[in-house]
């Protein structure tokens, strides 16, 4: 299929896990009613963003994947004939947890999962306390409607992740996200942060000749204001859709996947890669030692 309709679900969350899951299902239905074929939910959508504190009780929010949430979403995917991208807190084993996104195909089948590779640790974002870095490598998923790549939030800042996923054949890069700023920050700082966040992802679209879909949450949680601003970029970095910074939104946008061939032919970055010169990138720093 050369054209595919993607649904973006930007929403706020509450403390009750079941309530969030039920809300997400309602919004998936809304997206499907608008014609969506692939629906992406935001990062860790079944809970508040619990990584704002280091609290052992929060490990109780985790679940197996596949598990209860993917079972519920699989039924919805099969009923509606849509692909669902679902970011969840995975309990892999006792004491081993991941920030993981599951992909459910349009017939409800579980296609697999991607475990977040880059784990941040900043004030208000204490993810290293909770998440073991991903060990599945970068992933693509051949869904009914497109071959998609999924990366998660902090992965957004790393061109290597986008490049590798694109080289594996991803036609669209999806980024489930939970990012915001401290409610005490000034507007100028907030604007700069948002622009940097969007710019780095648009650059992934340009460098790799693929569409990028980034889905963020909204709402204020424990002094963090999640800035929404979910967006869709074409392979030239043009913004096709951008959500508001503070409202829940469900939108559907049609992507023409044939555009990748056009942009990759006219700006042949992949053709001109000098792969024999890139070995140094595997080192932490290129210092004198």
C-alpha atoms as a PDB file:
ATOM      1  CA  UNK A   1       0.000   0.000   0.000  1.00  0.00           C
ATOM      2  CA  UNK A   2       1.412   3.387  -0.957  1.00  0.00           C
ATOM      3  CA  UNK A   3      -0.921   5.373   1.277  1.00  0.00           C
ATOM      4  CA  UNK A   4      -1.710   4.741   4.923  1.00  0.00           C
ATOM      5  CA  UNK A   5      -3.739   6.672   7.470  1.00  0.00           C
ATOM      6  CA  UNK A   6      -2.085   7.056  10.866  1.00  0.00           C
ATOM      7  CA  UNK A   7      -3.950   7.948  14.035  1.00  0.00           C
ATOM      8  CA  UNK A   8      -2.299  10.042  16.761  1.00  0.00           C
ATOM      9  CA  UNK A   9      -3.735   9.815  20.288  1.00  0.00           C
ATOM     10  CA  UNK A  10      -2.536  12.609  22.584  1.00  0.00           C
ATOM     11  CA  UNK A  11      -4.103  12.337  26.026  1.00  0.00           C
ATOM     12  CA  UNK A  12      -3.728  12.993  29.736  1.00  0.00           C
ATOM     13  CA  UNK A  13      -3.563  10.223  32.332  1.00  0.00           C
ATOM     14  CA  UNK A  14      -4.728   9.541  35.885  1.00  0.00           C
ATOM     15  CA  UNK A  15      -3.548   7.282  38.691  1.00  0.00           C
ATOM     16  CA  UNK A  16      -5.977   4.441  37.932  1.00  0.00           C
ATOM     17  CA  UNK A  17      -4.464   2.025  35.410  1.00  0.00           C
ATOM     18  CA  UNK A  18      -7.733   0.515  34.177  1.00  0.00           C
ATOM     19  CA  UNK A  19      -9.236   3.956  33.657  1.00  0.00           C
ATOM     20  CA  UNK A  20      -6.327   4.946  31.440  1.00  0.00           C
ATOM     21  CA  UNK A  21      -6.572   1.751  29.404  1.00  0.00           C
ATOM     22  CA  UNK A  22     -10.317   2.210  28.957  1.00  0.00           C
ATOM     23  CA  UNK A  23      -9.782   5.812  27.891  1.00  0.00           C
ATOM     24  CA  UNK A  24      -7.120   4.809  25.382  1.00  0.00           C
ATOM     25  CA  UNK A  25      -9.458   2.212  23.867  1.00  0.00           C
ATOM     26  CA  UNK A  26     -12.170   4.840  23.447  1.00  0.00           C
ATOM     27  CA  UNK A  27      -9.690   7.057  21.644  1.00  0.00           C
ATOM     28  CA  UNK A  28      -8.464   4.211  19.442  1.00  0.00           C
ATOM     29  CA  UNK A  29     -12.084   3.691  18.439  1.00  0.00           C
ATOM     30  CA  UNK A  30     -12.389   7.381  17.686  1.00  0.00           C
ATOM     31  CA  UNK A  31      -9.291   7.273  15.497  1.00  0.00           C
ATOM     32  CA  UNK A  32     -10.558   4.183  13.673  1.00  0.00           C
ATOM     33  CA  UNK A  33     -13.899   5.894  13.053  1.00  0.00           C
ATOM     34  CA  UNK A  34     -11.949   8.716  11.409  1.00  0.00           C
ATOM     35  CA  UNK A  35     -10.277   6.203   9.109  1.00  0.00           C
ATOM     36  CA  UNK A  36      -7.052   5.405  10.926  1.00  0.00           C
ATOM     37  CA  UNK A  37      -5.277   2.199   9.917  1.00  0.00           C
ATOM     38  CA  UNK A  38      -2.339   2.496  12.344  1.00  0.00           C
ATOM     39  CA  UNK A  39      -2.931   4.090  15.761  1.00  0.00           C
ATOM     40  CA  UNK A  40      -0.070   5.148  18.027  1.00  0.00           C
ATOM     41  CA  UNK A  41      -0.538   5.719  21.765  1.00  0.00           C
ATOM     42  CA  UNK A  42       1.850   7.771  23.892  1.00  0.00           C
ATOM     43  CA  UNK A  43       4.611   6.427  26.131  1.00  0.00           C
ATOM     44  CA  UNK A  44       3.445   4.583  29.297  1.00  0.00           C
ATOM     45  CA  UNK A  45      -0.170   5.535  28.649  1.00  0.00           C
ATOM     46  CA  UNK A  46      -1.695   3.224  31.290  1.00  0.00           C
ATOM     47  CA  UNK A  47      -0.360   5.283  34.201  1.00  0.00           C
ATOM     48  CA  UNK A  48       0.837   8.635  35.354  1.00  0.00           C
ATOM     49  CA  UNK A  49       4.477   9.273  34.500  1.00  0.00           C
ATOM     50  CA  UNK A  50       5.771   7.547  37.629  1.00  0.00           C
ATOM     51  CA  UNK A  51       9.476   8.137  36.871  1.00  0.00           C
ATOM     52  CA  UNK A  52       9.275  11.587  38.450  1.00  0.00           C
ATOM     53  CA  UNK A  53      10.206   9.840  41.727  1.00  0.00           C
ATOM     54  CA  UNK A  54      12.181   6.771  42.784  1.00  0.00           C
ATOM     55  CA  UNK A  55       9.514   4.713  44.530  1.00  0.00           C
ATOM     56  CA  UNK A  56       9.613   0.912  44.776  1.00  0.00           C
ATOM     57  CA  UNK A  57       5.810   0.753  44.891  1.00  0.00           C
ATOM     58  CA  UNK A  58       5.703   1.893  41.271  1.00  0.00           C
ATOM     59  CA  UNK A  59       7.070  -1.456  40.130  1.00  0.00           C
ATOM     60  CA  UNK A  60       3.588  -2.804  40.870  1.00  0.00           C
ATOM     61  CA  UNK A  61       2.412  -0.970  37.723  1.00  0.00           C
ATOM     62  CA  UNK A  62       4.417  -3.302  35.481  1.00  0.00           C
ATOM     63  CA  UNK A  63       2.968  -6.253  33.594  1.00  0.00           C
ATOM     64  CA  UNK A  64       4.058  -9.003  31.256  1.00  0.00           C
ATOM     65  CA  UNK A  65       4.075  -8.455  27.503  1.00  0.00           C
ATOM     66  CA  UNK A  66       2.063 -10.127  26.092  1.00  0.00           C
ATOM     67  CA  UNK A  67      -0.242  -9.653  29.049  1.00  0.00           C
ATOM     68  CA  UNK A  68      -3.500  -8.066  30.218  1.00  0.00           C
ATOM     69  CA  UNK A  69      -3.147  -4.770  28.337  1.00  0.00           C
ATOM     70  CA  UNK A  70      -2.008  -6.309  25.070  1.00  0.00           C
ATOM     71  CA  UNK A  71      -4.809  -8.885  25.321  1.00  0.00           C
ATOM     72  CA  UNK A  72      -7.393  -6.110  25.655  1.00  0.00           C
ATOM     73  CA  UNK A  73      -5.885  -4.075  22.836  1.00  0.00           C
ATOM     74  CA  UNK A  74      -5.534  -7.116  20.567  1.00  0.00           C
ATOM     75  CA  UNK A  75      -9.270  -7.659  20.769  1.00  0.00           C
ATOM     76  CA  UNK A  76      -9.872  -4.020  19.836  1.00  0.00           C
ATOM     77  CA  UNK A  77      -7.357  -4.176  16.978  1.00  0.00           C
ATOM     78  CA  UNK A  78      -9.067  -7.256  15.545  1.00  0.00           C
ATOM     79  CA  UNK A  79     -12.529  -5.774  15.953  1.00  0.00           C
ATOM     80  CA  UNK A  80     -11.622  -2.490  14.247  1.00  0.00           C
ATOM     81  CA  UNK A  81      -9.073  -3.811  11.761  1.00  0.00           C
ATOM     82  CA  UNK A  82      -6.372  -1.392  12.920  1.00  0.00           C
ATOM     83  CA  UNK A  83      -2.750  -1.686  13.978  1.00  0.00           C
ATOM     84  CA  UNK A  84      -2.114  -0.482  17.548  1.00  0.00           C
ATOM     85  CA  UNK A  85       1.237   0.715  18.896  1.00  0.00           C
ATOM     86  CA  UNK A  86       1.102   0.408  22.688  1.00  0.00           C
ATOM     87  CA  UNK A  87       3.821   1.624  25.080  1.00  0.00           C
ATOM     88  CA  UNK A  88       3.807  -0.276  28.386  1.00  0.00           C
ATOM     89  CA  UNK A  89       5.826  -0.886  31.563  1.00  0.00           C
ATOM     90  CA  UNK A  90       7.081  -4.453  31.115  1.00  0.00           C
ATOM     91  CA  UNK A  91       7.880  -6.885  33.909  1.00  0.00           C
ATOM     92  CA  UNK A  92      10.229  -9.321  32.262  1.00  0.00           C
ATOM     93  CA  UNK A  93      11.228 -11.197  35.417  1.00  0.00           C
ATOM     94  CA  UNK A  94      11.575 -10.544  39.112  1.00  0.00           C
ATOM     95  CA  UNK A  95      13.745  -7.455  39.367  1.00  0.00           C
ATOM     96  CA  UNK A  96      14.043  -6.931  35.594  1.00  0.00           C
ATOM     97  CA  UNK A  97      11.793  -4.298  34.032  1.00  0.00           C
ATOM     98  CA  UNK A  98      11.726  -2.539  30.670  1.00  0.00           C
ATOM     99  CA  UNK A  99      10.087   0.432  28.991  1.00  0.00           C
ATOM    100  CA  UNK A 100       8.548  -1.482  26.113  1.00  0.00           C
ATOM    101  CA  UNK A 101       6.274  -0.916  23.142  1.00  0.00           C
ATOM    102  CA  UNK A 102       4.138  -3.740  21.766  1.00  0.00           C
ATOM    103  CA  UNK A 103       2.808  -3.802  18.207  1.00  0.00           C
ATOM    104  CA  UNK A 104      -0.543  -5.442  17.479  1.00  0.00           C
ATOM    105  CA  UNK A 105      -1.514  -6.102  13.881  1.00  0.00           C
ATOM    106  CA  UNK A 106      -4.880  -5.366  12.311  1.00  0.00           C
ATOM    107  CA  UNK A 107      -6.069  -8.927  12.876  1.00  0.00           C
ATOM    108  CA  UNK A 108      -5.244  -8.688  16.576  1.00  0.00           C
ATOM    109  CA  UNK A 109      -2.058 -10.743  16.336  1.00  0.00           C
ATOM    110  CA  UNK A 110       0.901  -9.790  18.516  1.00  0.00           C
ATOM    111  CA  UNK A 111       3.804  -8.905  16.204  1.00  0.00           C
ATOM    112  CA  UNK A 112       6.394  -8.360  18.890  1.00  0.00           C
ATOM    113  CA  UNK A 113       7.927  -5.645  21.048  1.00  0.00           C
ATOM    114  CA  UNK A 114      10.688  -3.082  21.158  1.00  0.00           C
ATOM    115  CA  UNK A 115      12.476  -2.322  24.418  1.00  0.00           C
ATOM    116  CA  UNK A 116      13.680   1.246  24.892  1.00  0.00           C
ATOM    117  CA  UNK A 117      17.429   1.410  24.295  1.00  0.00           C
ATOM    118  CA  UNK A 118      18.378   4.841  25.637  1.00  0.00           C
ATOM    119  CA  UNK A 119      17.377   5.370  29.272  1.00  0.00           C
ATOM    120  CA  UNK A 120      17.525   8.919  30.713  1.00  0.00           C
ATOM    121  CA  UNK A 121      18.249  10.006  34.249  1.00  0.00           C
ATOM    122  CA  UNK A 122      17.438  13.665  34.878  1.00  0.00           C
ATOM    123  CA  UNK A 123      15.571  15.557  37.599  1.00  0.00           C
ATOM    124  CA  UNK A 124      11.948  14.432  37.252  1.00  0.00           C
ATOM    125  CA  UNK A 125      12.890  11.667  34.799  1.00  0.00           C
ATOM    126  CA  UNK A 126      14.520   8.966  36.930  1.00  0.00           C
ATOM    127  CA  UNK A 127      14.103   6.185  34.395  1.00  0.00           C
ATOM    128  CA  UNK A 128      17.345   4.357  35.197  1.00  0.00           C
ATOM    129  CA  UNK A 129      15.818   3.461  38.562  1.00  0.00           C
ATOM    130  CA  UNK A 130      13.055   1.514  36.818  1.00  0.00           C
ATOM    131  CA  UNK A 131      14.176   0.367  33.379  1.00  0.00           C
ATOM    132  CA  UNK A 132      16.820  -2.059  32.211  1.00  0.00           C
ATOM    133  CA  UNK A 133      18.174  -0.905  28.820  1.00  0.00           C
ATOM    134  CA  UNK A 134      16.671  -2.744  25.874  1.00  0.00           C
ATOM    135  CA  UNK A 135      18.411  -5.876  24.647  1.00  0.00           C
ATOM    136  CA  UNK A 136      16.329  -6.754  21.591  1.00  0.00           C
ATOM    137  CA  UNK A 137      18.143  -4.313  19.328  1.00  0.00           C
ATOM    138  CA  UNK A 138      16.317  -2.000  16.964  1.00  0.00           C
ATOM    139  CA  UNK A 139      13.150  -3.420  15.473  1.00  0.00           C
ATOM    140  CA  UNK A 140      10.828  -3.113  12.523  1.00  0.00           C
ATOM    141  CA  UNK A 141       7.372  -4.640  12.297  1.00  0.00           C
ATOM    142  CA  UNK A 142       5.686  -5.714   9.068  1.00  0.00           C
ATOM    143  CA  UNK A 143       2.066  -4.748   9.697  1.00  0.00           C
ATOM    144  CA  UNK A 144      -0.878  -5.114   7.345  1.00  0.00           C
ATOM    145  CA  UNK A 145      -0.552  -1.503   6.214  1.00  0.00           C
ATOM    146  CA  UNK A 146       3.163  -0.627   6.392  1.00  0.00           C
ATOM    147  CA  UNK A 147       6.544  -1.718   7.640  1.00  0.00           C
ATOM    148  CA  UNK A 148       7.044   0.414  10.723  1.00  0.00           C
ATOM    149  CA  UNK A 149       9.852   1.203  13.119  1.00  0.00           C
ATOM    150  CA  UNK A 150       9.192   2.020  16.765  1.00  0.00           C
ATOM    151  CA  UNK A 151      11.532   3.974  19.035  1.00  0.00           C
ATOM    152  CA  UNK A 152      10.666   5.443  22.444  1.00  0.00           C
ATOM    153  CA  UNK A 153      11.017   8.975  23.822  1.00  0.00           C
ATOM    154  CA  UNK A 154      14.704   9.448  24.810  1.00  0.00           C
ATOM    155  CA  UNK A 155      15.610   7.437  21.697  1.00  0.00           C
ATOM    156  CA  UNK A 156      14.420  10.534  19.817  1.00  0.00           C
ATOM    157  CA  UNK A 157      17.709  12.338  20.405  1.00  0.00           C
ATOM    158  CA  UNK A 158      19.892   9.674  18.812  1.00  0.00           C
ATOM    159  CA  UNK A 159      20.322   9.747  15.021  1.00  0.00           C
ATOM    160  CA  UNK A 160      21.975   6.321  15.179  1.00  0.00           C
ATOM    161  CA  UNK A 161      18.709   4.733  16.353  1.00  0.00           C
ATOM    162  CA  UNK A 162      16.670   6.343  13.584  1.00  0.00           C
ATOM    163  CA  UNK A 163      19.288   5.451  10.974  1.00  0.00           C
ATOM    164  CA  UNK A 164      19.545   1.788  11.923  1.00  0.00           C
ATOM    165  CA  UNK A 165      15.773   1.372  12.107  1.00  0.00           C
ATOM    166  CA  UNK A 166      15.401   3.023   8.713  1.00  0.00           C
ATOM    167  CA  UNK A 167      18.123   0.845   7.198  1.00  0.00           C
ATOM    168  CA  UNK A 168      16.147  -2.172   8.401  1.00  0.00           C
ATOM    169  CA  UNK A 169      13.330  -1.080   6.104  1.00  0.00           C
ATOM    170  CA  UNK A 170      11.045   1.045   8.258  1.00  0.00           C
ATOM    171  CA  UNK A 171       8.689   3.144   6.130  1.00  0.00           C
ATOM    172  CA  UNK A 172       7.484   5.195   9.115  1.00  0.00           C
ATOM    173  CA  UNK A 173       9.236   5.931  12.400  1.00  0.00           C
ATOM    174  CA  UNK A 174       6.910   6.128  15.416  1.00  0.00           C
ATOM    175  CA  UNK A 175       8.012   7.722  18.697  1.00  0.00           C
ATOM    176  CA  UNK A 176       5.684   7.170  21.691  1.00  0.00           C
ATOM    177  CA  UNK A 177       6.758   9.896  24.127  1.00  0.00           C
ATOM    178  CA  UNK A 178       6.302  11.392  27.597  1.00  0.00           C
ATOM    179  CA  UNK A 179       8.220  14.653  27.722  1.00  0.00           C
ATOM    180  CA  UNK A 180       7.590  17.966  29.390  1.00  0.00           C
ATOM    181  CA  UNK A 181       9.095  20.751  31.442  1.00  0.00           C
ATOM    182  CA  UNK A 182       9.015  21.848  35.035  1.00  0.00           C
ATOM    183  CA  UNK A 183       5.979  24.034  35.652  1.00  0.00           C
ATOM    184  CA  UNK A 184       8.325  26.647  37.157  1.00  0.00           C
ATOM    185  CA  UNK A 185      10.302  27.158  33.924  1.00  0.00           C
ATOM    186  CA  UNK A 186       9.906  30.334  31.872  1.00  0.00           C
ATOM    187  CA  UNK A 187       8.200  30.413  28.492  1.00  0.00           C
ATOM    188  CA  UNK A 188      11.368  31.175  26.524  1.00  0.00           C
ATOM    189  CA  UNK A 189      13.126  28.096  27.900  1.00  0.00           C
ATOM    190  CA  UNK A 190      10.058  25.985  27.192  1.00  0.00           C
ATOM    191  CA  UNK A 191       9.889  27.164  23.583  1.00  0.00           C
ATOM    192  CA  UNK A 192      13.564  26.397  23.026  1.00  0.00           C
ATOM    193  CA  UNK A 193      13.153  22.902  24.457  1.00  0.00           C
ATOM    194  CA  UNK A 194      10.121  22.105  22.335  1.00  0.00           C
ATOM    195  CA  UNK A 195      11.789  23.407  19.176  1.00  0.00           C
ATOM    196  CA  UNK A 196      14.902  21.308  19.836  1.00  0.00           C
ATOM    197  CA  UNK A 197      12.749  18.220  20.460  1.00  0.00           C
ATOM    198  CA  UNK A 198      10.818  18.662  17.241  1.00  0.00           C
ATOM    199  CA  UNK A 199      13.847  19.670  15.171  1.00  0.00           C
ATOM    200  CA  UNK A 200      15.890  16.573  16.027  1.00  0.00           C
ATOM    201  CA  UNK A 201      13.031  14.314  14.982  1.00  0.00           C
ATOM    202  CA  UNK A 202      12.370  16.220  11.775  1.00  0.00           C
ATOM    203  CA  UNK A 203      16.061  15.769  11.002  1.00  0.00           C
ATOM    204  CA  UNK A 204      15.602  11.991  11.279  1.00  0.00           C
ATOM    205  CA  UNK A 205      12.858  12.245   8.665  1.00  0.00           C
ATOM    206  CA  UNK A 206      15.112  14.217   6.317  1.00  0.00           C
ATOM    207  CA  UNK A 207      18.277  12.148   6.819  1.00  0.00           C
ATOM    208  CA  UNK A 208      16.461   8.852   6.277  1.00  0.00           C
ATOM    209  CA  UNK A 209      13.737   9.831   3.821  1.00  0.00           C
ATOM    210  CA  UNK A 210      10.873   8.531   5.968  1.00  0.00           C
ATOM    211  CA  UNK A 211       7.807   9.896   7.693  1.00  0.00           C
ATOM    212  CA  UNK A 212       8.111  10.502  11.429  1.00  0.00           C
ATOM    213  CA  UNK A 213       5.151  10.333  13.847  1.00  0.00           C
ATOM    214  CA  UNK A 214       5.772  11.550  17.398  1.00  0.00           C
ATOM    215  CA  UNK A 215       3.053  11.129  20.045  1.00  0.00           C
ATOM    216  CA  UNK A 216       3.352  12.936  23.388  1.00  0.00           C
ATOM    217  CA  UNK A 217       1.087  13.200  26.432  1.00  0.00           C
ATOM    218  CA  UNK A 218      -0.517  16.318  27.908  1.00  0.00           C
ATOM    219  CA  UNK A 219      -1.427  17.440  31.410  1.00  0.00           C
ATOM    220  CA  UNK A 220       0.388  18.427  34.565  1.00  0.00           C
ATOM    221  CA  UNK A 221       1.683  15.698  36.859  1.00  0.00           C
ATOM    222  CA  UNK A 222       3.630  16.357  40.075  1.00  0.00           C
ATOM    223  CA  UNK A 223       5.147  19.611  38.853  1.00  0.00           C
ATOM    224  CA  UNK A 224       5.827  18.388  35.310  1.00  0.00           C
ATOM    225  CA  UNK A 225       3.831  19.926  32.487  1.00  0.00           C
ATOM    226  CA  UNK A 226       3.785  17.568  29.526  1.00  0.00           C
ATOM    227  CA  UNK A 227       3.919  19.723  26.437  1.00  0.00           C
ATOM    228  CA  UNK A 228       1.824  17.707  23.990  1.00  0.00           C
ATOM    229  CA  UNK A 229       2.725  19.015  20.550  1.00  0.00           C
ATOM    230  CA  UNK A 230       2.459  15.595  18.904  1.00  0.00           C
ATOM    231  CA  UNK A 231       3.289  15.910  15.229  1.00  0.00           C
ATOM    232  CA  UNK A 232       3.671  14.213  11.865  1.00  0.00           C
ATOM    233  CA  UNK A 233       6.572  15.062   9.544  1.00  0.00           C
ATOM    234  CA  UNK A 234       7.031  14.076   5.920  1.00  0.00           C
ATOM    235  CA  UNK A 235      10.407  12.799   4.586  1.00  0.00           C
ATOM    236  CA  UNK A 236      11.495  16.389   3.841  1.00  0.00           C
ATOM    237  CA  UNK A 237      10.923  17.500   7.428  1.00  0.00           C
ATOM    238  CA  UNK A 238       7.722  19.369   6.633  1.00  0.00           C
ATOM    239  CA  UNK A 239       5.211  19.408   9.494  1.00  0.00           C
ATOM    240  CA  UNK A 240       1.966  17.896   8.213  1.00  0.00           C
ATOM    241  CA  UNK A 241       0.214  18.077  11.580  1.00  0.00           C
ATOM    242  CA  UNK A 242       1.016  19.493  14.992  1.00  0.00           C
ATOM    243  CA  UNK A 243      -1.153  19.109  18.097  1.00  0.00           C
ATOM    244  CA  UNK A 244      -1.790  21.749  20.721  1.00  0.00           C
ATOM    245  CA  UNK A 245       0.454  21.934  23.811  1.00  0.00           C
ATOM    246  CA  UNK A 246      -2.276  21.390  26.385  1.00  0.00           C
ATOM    247  CA  UNK A 247      -5.337  19.676  24.908  1.00  0.00           C
ATOM    248  CA  UNK A 248      -6.210  16.047  24.276  1.00  0.00           C
ATOM    249  CA  UNK A 249      -6.432  15.304  20.570  1.00  0.00           C
ATOM    250  CA  UNK A 250      -7.215  12.399  18.287  1.00  0.00           C
ATOM    251  CA  UNK A 251      -6.268  13.069  14.700  1.00  0.00           C
ATOM    252  CA  UNK A 252      -5.790  11.010  11.560  1.00  0.00           C
ATOM    253  CA  UNK A 253      -3.406  11.925   8.757  1.00  0.00           C
ATOM    254  CA  UNK A 254      -2.824  10.147   5.468  1.00  0.00           C
ATOM    255  CA  UNK A 255       0.800   9.452   4.534  1.00  0.00           C
ATOM    256  CA  UNK A 256       1.997   8.721   1.012  1.00  0.00           C
ATOM    257  CA  UNK A 257       4.787   6.187   1.475  1.00  0.00           C
ATOM    258  CA  UNK A 258       5.863   6.582  -2.145  1.00  0.00           C
ATOM    259  CA  UNK A 259       7.257   9.977  -1.138  1.00  0.00           C
ATOM    260  CA  UNK A 260      10.239   8.191   0.380  1.00  0.00           C
ATOM    261  CA  UNK A 261      11.380   7.049  -3.051  1.00  0.00           C
ATOM    262  CA  UNK A 262      11.019  10.576  -4.421  1.00  0.00           C
ATOM    263  CA  UNK A 263      12.980  12.222  -1.616  1.00  0.00           C
ATOM    264  CA  UNK A 264      15.628   9.496  -1.466  1.00  0.00           C
ATOM    265  CA  UNK A 265      16.139   9.816  -5.229  1.00  0.00           C
ATOM    266  CA  UNK A 266      16.389  13.621  -5.232  1.00  0.00           C
ATOM    267  CA  UNK A 267      18.413  13.868  -2.007  1.00  0.00           C
ATOM    268  CA  UNK A 268      20.277  10.529  -2.102  1.00  0.00           C
ATOM    269  CA  UNK A 269      21.757  10.527   1.388  1.00  0.00           C
ATOM    270  CA  UNK A 270      21.554   6.760   1.648  1.00  0.00           C
ATOM    271  CA  UNK A 271      23.319   6.326  -1.686  1.00  0.00           C
ATOM    272  CA  UNK A 272      26.213   8.561  -0.661  1.00  0.00           C
ATOM    273  CA  UNK A 273      26.900   7.120   2.781  1.00  0.00           C
ATOM    274  CA  UNK A 274      30.594   6.315   3.270  1.00  0.00           C
ATOM    275  CA  UNK A 275      30.040   3.281   5.443  1.00  0.00           C
ATOM    276  CA  UNK A 276      33.714   2.301   5.357  1.00  0.00           C
ATOM    277  CA  UNK A 277      34.551   5.486   7.333  1.00  0.00           C
ATOM    278  CA  UNK A 278      32.038   5.109  10.160  1.00  0.00           C
ATOM    279  CA  UNK A 279      33.782   2.631  12.466  1.00  0.00           C
ATOM    280  CA  UNK A 280      34.864   5.395  14.918  1.00  0.00           C
ATOM    281  CA  UNK A 281      31.205   6.023  15.844  1.00  0.00           C
ATOM    282  CA  UNK A 282      31.251   2.874  17.963  1.00  0.00           C
ATOM    283  CA  UNK A 283      33.667   4.508  20.430  1.00  0.00           C
ATOM    284  CA  UNK A 284      32.495   6.647  23.354  1.00  0.00           C
ATOM    285  CA  UNK A 285      34.885   9.509  22.491  1.00  0.00           C
ATOM    286  CA  UNK A 286      37.641  10.023  19.972  1.00  0.00           C
ATOM    287  CA  UNK A 287      40.182  11.497  22.348  1.00  0.00           C
ATOM    288  CA  UNK A 288      43.953  11.140  22.161  1.00  0.00           C
ATOM    289  CA  UNK A 289      44.019   8.012  24.262  1.00  0.00           C
END
